[in-house]
Protein backbone atom coordinates (compact mmCIF):
# COMPACT_ATOMS: atom_id res chain seq x y z
CA MET A 1 -0.04 -0.06 0.14
CA VAL A 2 1.49 3.93 -0.99
CA PRO A 3 2.22 5.36 2.28
CA LYS A 4 -0.26 8.67 2.71
CA VAL A 5 1.71 11.64 1.35
CA ASP A 6 0.88 15.61 0.61
CA GLU A 7 -0.63 15.17 -2.53
CA GLY A 8 0.87 18.86 -3.77
CA GLU A 9 4.40 17.99 -2.41
CA ASN A 10 4.52 14.36 -3.72
CA LEU A 11 3.62 16.21 -7.58
CA ALA A 12 6.41 19.06 -6.54
CA ARG A 13 9.16 15.82 -5.93
CA MET A 14 8.00 14.42 -9.19
CA GLU A 15 8.86 17.47 -11.38
CA ARG A 16 12.20 17.90 -9.76
CA GLY A 17 13.07 14.51 -10.31
CA GLU A 18 13.50 13.71 -6.51
CA LEU A 19 11.68 10.07 -5.26
CA TYR A 20 8.04 10.81 -5.09
CA TYR A 21 4.78 8.04 -5.20
CA ALA A 22 3.30 7.43 -8.36
CA PHE A 23 0.25 5.68 -7.28
CA THR A 24 -1.44 8.19 -5.69
CA PRO A 25 -4.91 9.46 -5.98
CA GLN A 26 -3.86 12.67 -8.10
CA LEU A 27 -1.42 10.90 -10.05
CA ILE A 28 -3.29 8.17 -11.07
CA ALA A 29 -6.16 10.90 -12.03
CA GLY A 30 -3.55 12.53 -14.36
CA ARG A 31 -2.60 9.38 -16.04
CA GLN A 32 -6.26 8.29 -16.73
CA ARG A 33 -7.56 11.70 -17.62
CA CYS A 34 -4.29 11.65 -20.59
CA SER A 35 -4.89 8.09 -21.29
CA ARG A 36 -8.82 9.13 -22.26
CA ILE A 37 -7.58 12.05 -24.59
CA LEU A 38 -5.02 10.10 -26.10
CA ASN A 39 -7.95 6.98 -26.79
CA ARG A 40 -9.88 9.61 -28.45
CA LEU A 41 -6.92 10.85 -30.55
CA ASN A 42 -5.82 7.74 -31.88
CA ASN A 43 -9.07 6.42 -32.65
CA ALA A 44 -10.30 9.35 -34.28
CA GLY A 45 -10.06 8.64 -37.83
CA ASP A 46 -8.85 11.32 -40.60
CA LEU A 47 -8.06 14.64 -38.97
CA THR A 48 -7.28 17.96 -40.30
CA ARG A 49 -4.31 19.71 -38.76
CA ARG A 50 -6.35 22.05 -36.59
CA GLU A 51 -7.99 19.14 -35.06
CA ILE A 52 -4.51 17.57 -34.22
CA ALA A 53 -3.71 21.07 -32.60
CA GLU A 54 -6.65 21.18 -30.62
CA TYR A 55 -5.89 17.23 -29.43
CA TRP A 56 -2.28 18.57 -28.58
CA LYS A 57 -3.71 21.44 -26.75
CA GLU A 58 -5.74 19.19 -24.32
CA LEU A 59 -3.17 16.75 -24.11
CA THR A 60 -0.44 19.60 -22.73
CA LYS A 61 -3.14 21.88 -21.01
CA ASP A 62 -1.97 24.57 -23.07
CA ASP A 63 -4.78 27.18 -22.76
CA ARG A 64 -3.86 29.68 -25.22
CA PRO A 65 -6.54 29.95 -28.15
CA LEU A 66 -5.78 28.63 -31.86
CA PRO A 67 -5.06 31.30 -34.22
CA PRO A 68 -7.96 31.95 -36.60
CA PRO A 69 -8.60 29.70 -39.38
CA ALA A 70 -6.65 30.31 -42.37
CA ALA A 71 -8.08 30.34 -45.82
CA THR A 72 -5.82 27.25 -47.38
CA ASP A 73 -4.31 23.84 -46.31
CA GLU A 74 -0.65 25.50 -46.57
CA GLU A 75 -1.68 28.60 -44.55
CA GLU A 76 -3.25 26.62 -42.01
CA ASP A 77 -0.27 24.62 -41.43
CA ALA A 78 1.92 27.97 -41.09
CA VAL A 79 -0.20 29.73 -38.81
CA LEU A 80 -0.35 26.18 -36.35
CA HIS A 81 3.18 25.82 -36.80
CA GLU A 82 3.54 25.79 -32.92
CA TYR A 83 1.86 22.46 -32.94
CA PRO A 84 3.26 18.97 -33.77
CA TRP A 85 2.91 16.99 -36.93
CA VAL A 86 1.36 13.49 -35.04
CA GLU A 87 1.32 10.38 -36.62
CA ARG A 88 -0.88 8.05 -34.45
CA PRO A 89 -1.08 6.19 -32.28
CA ILE A 90 1.04 8.20 -29.53
CA ARG A 91 1.21 7.12 -25.97
CA MET A 92 2.01 9.75 -22.85
CA ASP A 93 1.88 9.52 -19.41
CA TYR A 94 0.58 13.14 -18.33
CA GLY A 95 0.97 14.64 -21.64
CA TYR A 96 1.36 18.48 -19.71
CA ASN A 97 4.75 17.69 -19.19
CA VAL A 98 5.31 17.54 -23.01
CA GLN A 99 6.48 21.09 -24.52
CA VAL A 100 7.83 21.28 -28.13
CA GLY A 101 9.33 23.99 -30.47
CA SER A 102 7.93 24.92 -33.97
CA ASN A 103 7.42 22.74 -36.66
CA VAL A 104 7.58 19.68 -35.10
CA PHE A 105 6.75 15.98 -36.56
CA ILE A 106 6.22 13.18 -34.31
CA ASN A 107 5.86 9.92 -36.13
CA PHE A 108 3.57 6.67 -34.83
CA ASN A 109 3.97 4.78 -32.08
CA CYS A 110 5.86 7.23 -30.16
CA THR A 111 5.80 6.96 -26.58
CA ILE A 112 6.62 9.70 -23.93
CA ILE A 113 6.86 8.95 -20.17
CA ASP A 114 6.76 12.39 -19.17
CA THR A 115 7.28 11.95 -15.03
CA CYS A 116 9.87 15.15 -15.87
CA LYS A 117 9.59 17.64 -18.53
CA VAL A 118 10.17 16.18 -22.00
CA PHE A 119 11.14 19.17 -24.49
CA ILE A 120 11.51 18.83 -28.51
CA GLY A 121 12.97 21.85 -30.05
CA SER A 122 11.80 23.32 -33.86
CA ARG A 123 11.95 21.67 -36.75
CA THR A 124 13.07 18.18 -35.01
CA LEU A 125 12.03 15.38 -36.58
CA ILE A 126 10.59 12.18 -34.53
CA GLY A 127 11.35 8.70 -36.01
CA PRO A 128 8.51 5.60 -36.24
CA ASN A 129 8.65 3.52 -32.79
CA VAL A 130 10.71 6.54 -30.70
CA SER A 131 10.35 5.97 -27.13
CA PHE A 132 11.11 9.11 -24.52
CA PHE A 133 11.93 7.51 -20.75
CA SER A 134 11.98 10.68 -18.33
CA GLY A 135 10.73 8.27 -15.64
CA THR A 136 12.86 5.55 -13.81
CA HIS A 137 12.89 3.75 -10.72
CA PRO A 138 15.11 2.86 -7.82
CA LEU A 139 17.88 -0.06 -8.11
CA ASP A 140 17.53 -1.11 -5.02
CA PRO A 141 14.46 -4.02 -4.82
CA ASP A 142 13.54 -2.84 -1.13
CA LEU A 143 12.85 0.32 -1.62
CA ARG A 144 11.38 0.08 -5.35
CA ASN A 145 8.90 -2.31 -3.67
CA GLY A 146 6.54 -2.40 -6.84
CA THR A 147 3.69 -0.27 -7.55
CA ASN A 148 4.06 0.74 -3.55
CA GLY A 149 7.35 1.99 -3.77
CA PRO A 150 8.51 5.35 -5.03
CA GLU A 151 9.64 6.06 -8.57
CA LEU A 152 11.61 9.58 -9.71
CA GLY A 153 12.82 10.92 -13.32
CA LYS A 154 15.14 13.14 -14.91
CA PRO A 155 14.15 15.31 -17.51
CA ILE A 156 14.85 15.17 -21.62
CA THR A 157 15.74 18.15 -23.65
CA ILE A 158 16.21 17.60 -27.58
CA GLY A 159 17.09 20.54 -29.44
CA SER A 160 16.14 22.22 -32.03
CA ASP A 161 17.19 20.47 -36.02
CA CYS A 162 17.82 17.23 -34.76
CA TRP A 163 16.21 13.72 -36.37
CA ILE A 164 15.67 11.45 -34.02
CA ALA A 165 15.75 8.24 -36.17
CA GLY A 166 13.21 5.16 -35.97
CA ASN A 167 13.20 2.77 -32.98
CA VAL A 168 15.45 5.43 -30.74
CA ILE A 169 15.38 5.22 -27.01
CA ILE A 170 16.18 8.46 -25.01
CA LEU A 171 16.39 7.62 -21.48
CA PRO A 172 16.32 10.14 -18.04
CA GLY A 173 18.39 13.04 -18.08
CA VAL A 174 19.61 13.13 -21.86
CA THR A 175 20.21 16.65 -23.72
CA VAL A 176 20.63 16.20 -27.52
CA GLY A 177 22.36 19.35 -28.67
CA ASP A 178 21.04 21.18 -31.79
CA GLY A 179 21.38 19.63 -35.50
CA CYS A 180 21.84 16.05 -33.62
CA THR A 181 20.83 12.84 -35.81
CA ILE A 182 20.67 9.79 -33.93
CA GLY A 183 20.57 6.82 -35.79
CA ALA A 184 18.24 4.11 -35.99
CA GLY A 185 18.13 1.76 -33.03
CA SER A 186 20.27 3.52 -30.95
CA VAL A 187 19.44 3.65 -26.95
CA VAL A 188 20.85 7.07 -25.85
CA THR A 189 21.77 6.97 -22.40
CA LYS A 190 23.60 9.58 -19.95
CA HIS A 191 25.49 11.54 -22.48
CA ARG A 192 25.51 15.45 -23.09
CA PHE A 193 25.34 16.25 -26.76
CA SER A 194 26.24 19.87 -27.93
CA LEU A 195 26.32 21.69 -31.54
CA PRO A 196 27.14 18.60 -33.58
CA PHE A 197 26.04 18.65 -37.40
CA HIS A 198 23.88 17.25 -39.66
CA GLY A 199 23.64 14.02 -41.80
CA PRO A 200 22.98 10.23 -40.91
CA VAL A 201 25.34 7.35 -40.09
CA HIS A 202 24.44 4.29 -41.72
CA SER A 203 27.69 2.07 -41.37
CA LEU A 204 30.84 2.26 -39.78
CA GLY A 205 32.08 2.38 -43.17
CA ASP A 206 30.12 5.41 -43.81
CA ALA A 207 32.22 7.64 -41.30
CA HIS A 208 35.14 10.02 -42.58
CA GLU A 209 38.46 8.14 -42.82
CA HIS A 210 39.76 10.23 -39.60
CA GLN A 211 36.83 8.65 -37.50
CA LYS A 212 37.13 8.39 -33.98
CA ILE A 213 35.02 5.88 -31.63
CA PHE A 214 34.61 6.70 -28.53
CA GLN A 215 32.92 3.80 -25.66
CA LYS A 216 30.33 5.34 -23.30
CA ASP A 217 31.74 7.23 -20.75
CA GLU A 218 29.49 9.79 -18.57
CA SER A 219 32.31 11.67 -18.34
CA VAL A 220 32.23 12.40 -22.50
CA ARG A 221 30.84 15.60 -23.48
CA VAL A 222 30.16 15.12 -27.18
CA GLU A 223 30.36 17.92 -29.81
CA GLY A 224 30.17 17.08 -33.40
CA PHE A 225 29.45 13.61 -33.16
CA TYR A 226 26.58 11.45 -34.89
CA ILE A 227 25.43 8.38 -32.64
CA PHE A 228 25.72 5.25 -34.06
CA ASP A 229 25.19 1.54 -32.63
CA ASN A 230 25.67 3.13 -29.18
CA HIS A 231 29.08 4.73 -30.19
CA PHE A 232 30.12 8.09 -30.64
CA VAL A 233 31.41 8.99 -34.40
CA GLU A 234 33.34 12.03 -35.33
CA ARG A 235 32.96 13.41 -38.65
CA ALA A 236 34.12 16.40 -40.54
CA ARG A 237 31.49 19.29 -40.55
CA PRO A 238 29.94 19.43 -43.86
CA PRO A 239 29.53 22.70 -45.24
CA ASN A 240 27.08 24.95 -44.85
CA CYS A 241 25.47 22.56 -42.40
CA HIS A 242 26.17 24.55 -38.49
CA PRO A 243 22.94 24.98 -37.22
CA ARG A 244 23.56 28.72 -36.32
CA LEU A 245 24.19 29.35 -39.94
CA ASN A 246 22.07 32.08 -41.52
CA ARG A 247 21.48 30.41 -44.18
CA ARG A 248 20.36 26.59 -44.53
CA PRO A 249 21.62 23.72 -46.67
CA SER A 250 19.69 23.00 -49.98
CA ILE A 251 18.44 19.48 -50.54
CA PHE A 252 18.53 19.87 -54.22
């Protein structure tokens, strides 16, 4: 049985990433609220861009009114840029701990355990079957104690202009820097990434001849790297691909 706790302090502890109890009436109700909205969203059939934005507002408890409707679909997409494109199904715990920037795309089967804040920066693309796990459990089984014990979490931050490819798992406390590409199937643990450059790595043979491979080490701070197969692959900076450049690279 979960001990009696002050619900307000318990919620504050969850948001701070400290030990808290997940199976209190307030937090159970919060997950149920999110589940009901997601069930409606995931089973709603064809939706317009504006209808998806309305669902997102409800999930994230965003009280701001939507911009007035535009005349064309293209103009609607432009005025609703603050709300992500979402391919369904999508799953979250609470919804209100998720925040996205402008022009974000979330592909199907995305799972967001938003015990703590999960932020996704502008123009970031999320591939299919990607999971963001901001929640975790104590490693001590006596403390963990099933559903009667405490849990904890750490925030996740994904920068702008990132591509998180299919089947990636992002674990608690991870920050992925602007412009980073995370290769398909990667598990990103406790590393921080700062200002990497664009471009996927499909195999180790694709890497530049002067590449370096770094085994996972919590002390490593990664700058200018791709993630592939749970290793860090250093590559030469592609021309015109730095995320802080005023002009963006052409795909043609």
